[in-house]
Amino acid sequence: MDTVVLALGYKPEPLLSRSVAGSASDGSGLIAADPETGRTNRQGIWAGGDVVTGANTVVRAMVAGKHAAKDIDRYLRS
């Protein structure tokens, strides 16, 4: 299954982190992910933007998306 979640707002929807069963969370609904790759503790799942950092700038979310895209490409090629 391929899924992209778009979010608009000031804080992550708690349902999102609960729906990704087994993903590491800090208790406030944020998902833990490697800042350089966007990888979560679940194989094949990446996260970035406000769901990882909390409310932040669009530019930082775009950078996180770019990092994740590069790592997803590496993952799919290996």
C-alpha atoms as a PDB file:
ATOM      1  CA  MET A   1       0.000   0.000   0.000  1.00  0.00           C
ATOM      2  CA  ASP A   2       1.307   3.461  -0.894  1.00  0.00           C
ATOM      3  CA  THR A   3       0.176   6.317   1.311  1.00  0.00           C
ATOM      4  CA  VAL A   4       0.969  10.008   1.491  1.00  0.00           C
ATOM      5  CA  VAL A   5      -0.542  12.019   4.335  1.00  0.00           C
ATOM      6  CA  LEU A   6      -0.965  15.751   3.816  1.00  0.00           C
ATOM      7  CA  ALA A   7      -1.533  17.813   6.927  1.00  0.00           C
ATOM      8  CA  LEU A   8      -2.432  21.419   7.555  1.00  0.00           C
ATOM      9  CA  GLY A   9      -2.541  22.859  11.043  1.00  0.00           C
ATOM     10  CA  TYR A  10      -0.456  23.637  14.067  1.00  0.00           C
ATOM     11  CA  LYS A  11      -0.037  20.245  15.679  1.00  0.00           C
ATOM     12  CA  PRO A  12      -0.093  16.650  14.481  1.00  0.00           C
ATOM     13  CA  GLU A  13      -3.297  14.663  14.619  1.00  0.00           C
ATOM     14  CA  PRO A  14      -2.774  12.001  17.349  1.00  0.00           C
ATOM     15  CA  LEU A  15      -4.696   9.495  15.233  1.00  0.00           C
ATOM     16  CA  LEU A  16      -1.848   9.549  12.716  1.00  0.00           C
ATOM     17  CA  SER A  17       0.827   8.332  15.129  1.00  0.00           C
ATOM     18  CA  ARG A  18      -1.587   5.795  16.642  1.00  0.00           C
ATOM     19  CA  SER A  19      -2.508   4.473  13.193  1.00  0.00           C
ATOM     20  CA  VAL A  20       1.138   3.722  12.396  1.00  0.00           C
ATOM     21  CA  ALA A  21       1.225   0.882  14.901  1.00  0.00           C
ATOM     22  CA  GLY A  22       4.592   0.376  16.500  1.00  0.00           C
ATOM     23  CA  SER A  23       6.055   3.705  15.424  1.00  0.00           C
ATOM     24  CA  ALA A  24       8.101   5.463  18.071  1.00  0.00           C
ATOM     25  CA  SER A  25       6.424   8.553  19.461  1.00  0.00           C
ATOM     26  CA  ASP A  26       7.408  11.081  22.075  1.00  0.00           C
ATOM     27  CA  GLY A  27       3.978  10.927  23.746  1.00  0.00           C
ATOM     28  CA  SER A  28       2.725  14.213  22.290  1.00  0.00           C
ATOM     29  CA  GLY A  29       1.717  12.712  18.972  1.00  0.00           C
ATOM     30  CA  LEU A  30       5.012  13.429  17.232  1.00  0.00           C
ATOM     31  CA  ILE A  31       6.653  10.576  15.346  1.00  0.00           C
ATOM     32  CA  ALA A  32      10.351   9.899  15.949  1.00  0.00           C
ATOM     33  CA  ALA A  33      12.351   9.894  12.711  1.00  0.00           C
ATOM     34  CA  ASP A  34      15.983  10.242  11.707  1.00  0.00           C
ATOM     35  CA  PRO A  35      16.490  13.920  10.764  1.00  0.00           C
ATOM     36  CA  GLU A  36      18.845  13.032   7.890  1.00  0.00           C
ATOM     37  CA  THR A  37      16.714  10.321   6.253  1.00  0.00           C
ATOM     38  CA  GLY A  38      13.200  10.592   7.663  1.00  0.00           C
ATOM     39  CA  ARG A  39      13.258   6.888   8.537  1.00  0.00           C
ATOM     40  CA  THR A  40      11.124   5.830  11.462  1.00  0.00           C
ATOM     41  CA  ASN A  41      11.709   2.734  13.572  1.00  0.00           C
ATOM     42  CA  ARG A  42       9.334   0.854  11.232  1.00  0.00           C
ATOM     43  CA  GLN A  43      10.836  -0.584   8.053  1.00  0.00           C
ATOM     44  CA  GLY A  44       9.482   1.135   4.954  1.00  0.00           C
ATOM     45  CA  ILE A  45       7.941   4.100   6.800  1.00  0.00           C
ATOM     46  CA  TRP A  46       9.319   7.634   6.621  1.00  0.00           C
ATOM     47  CA  ALA A  47       8.059  10.791   8.304  1.00  0.00           C
ATOM     48  CA  GLY A  48       8.918  14.464   8.123  1.00  0.00           C
ATOM     49  CA  GLY A  49       7.614  17.940   8.673  1.00  0.00           C
ATOM     50  CA  ASP A  50       5.408  18.974  11.571  1.00  0.00           C
ATOM     51  CA  VAL A  51       4.544  15.383  12.528  1.00  0.00           C
ATOM     52  CA  VAL A  52       8.239  14.983  13.469  1.00  0.00           C
ATOM     53  CA  THR A  53       9.295  18.462  14.604  1.00  0.00           C
ATOM     54  CA  GLY A  54       6.046  20.005  15.781  1.00  0.00           C
ATOM     55  CA  ALA A  55       4.958  23.334  14.299  1.00  0.00           C
ATOM     56  CA  ASN A  56       7.753  24.611  12.085  1.00  0.00           C
ATOM     57  CA  THR A  57       8.382  26.312   8.758  1.00  0.00           C
ATOM     58  CA  VAL A  58       7.365  25.077   5.326  1.00  0.00           C
ATOM     59  CA  VAL A  59      11.006  25.230   4.275  1.00  0.00           C
ATOM     60  CA  ARG A  60      12.017  22.743   6.977  1.00  0.00           C
ATOM     61  CA  ALA A  61       9.195  20.419   5.938  1.00  0.00           C
ATOM     62  CA  MET A  62      10.374  20.637   2.327  1.00  0.00           C
ATOM     63  CA  VAL A  63      13.945  19.807   3.350  1.00  0.00           C
ATOM     64  CA  ALA A  64      12.688  16.815   5.347  1.00  0.00           C
ATOM     65  CA  GLY A  65      10.724  15.667   2.295  1.00  0.00           C
ATOM     66  CA  LYS A  66      13.806  15.969   0.085  1.00  0.00           C
ATOM     67  CA  HIS A  67      15.914  13.958   2.536  1.00  0.00           C
ATOM     68  CA  ALA A  68      13.208  11.300   2.792  1.00  0.00           C
ATOM     69  CA  ALA A  69      12.820  11.102  -1.001  1.00  0.00           C
ATOM     70  CA  LYS A  70      16.551  10.469  -1.434  1.00  0.00           C
ATOM     71  CA  ASP A  71      16.496   7.759   1.230  1.00  0.00           C
ATOM     72  CA  ILE A  72      13.342   6.157  -0.172  1.00  0.00           C
ATOM     73  CA  ASP A  73      15.061   5.981  -3.563  1.00  0.00           C
ATOM     74  CA  ARG A  74      18.102   4.291  -1.955  1.00  0.00           C
ATOM     75  CA  TYR A  75      15.782   1.888  -0.104  1.00  0.00           C
ATOM     76  CA  LEU A  76      13.888   0.907  -3.247  1.00  0.00           C
ATOM     77  CA  ARG A  77      17.077   0.400  -5.249  1.00  0.00           C
ATOM     78  CA  SER A  78      18.682  -1.891  -2.665  1.00  0.00           C
END
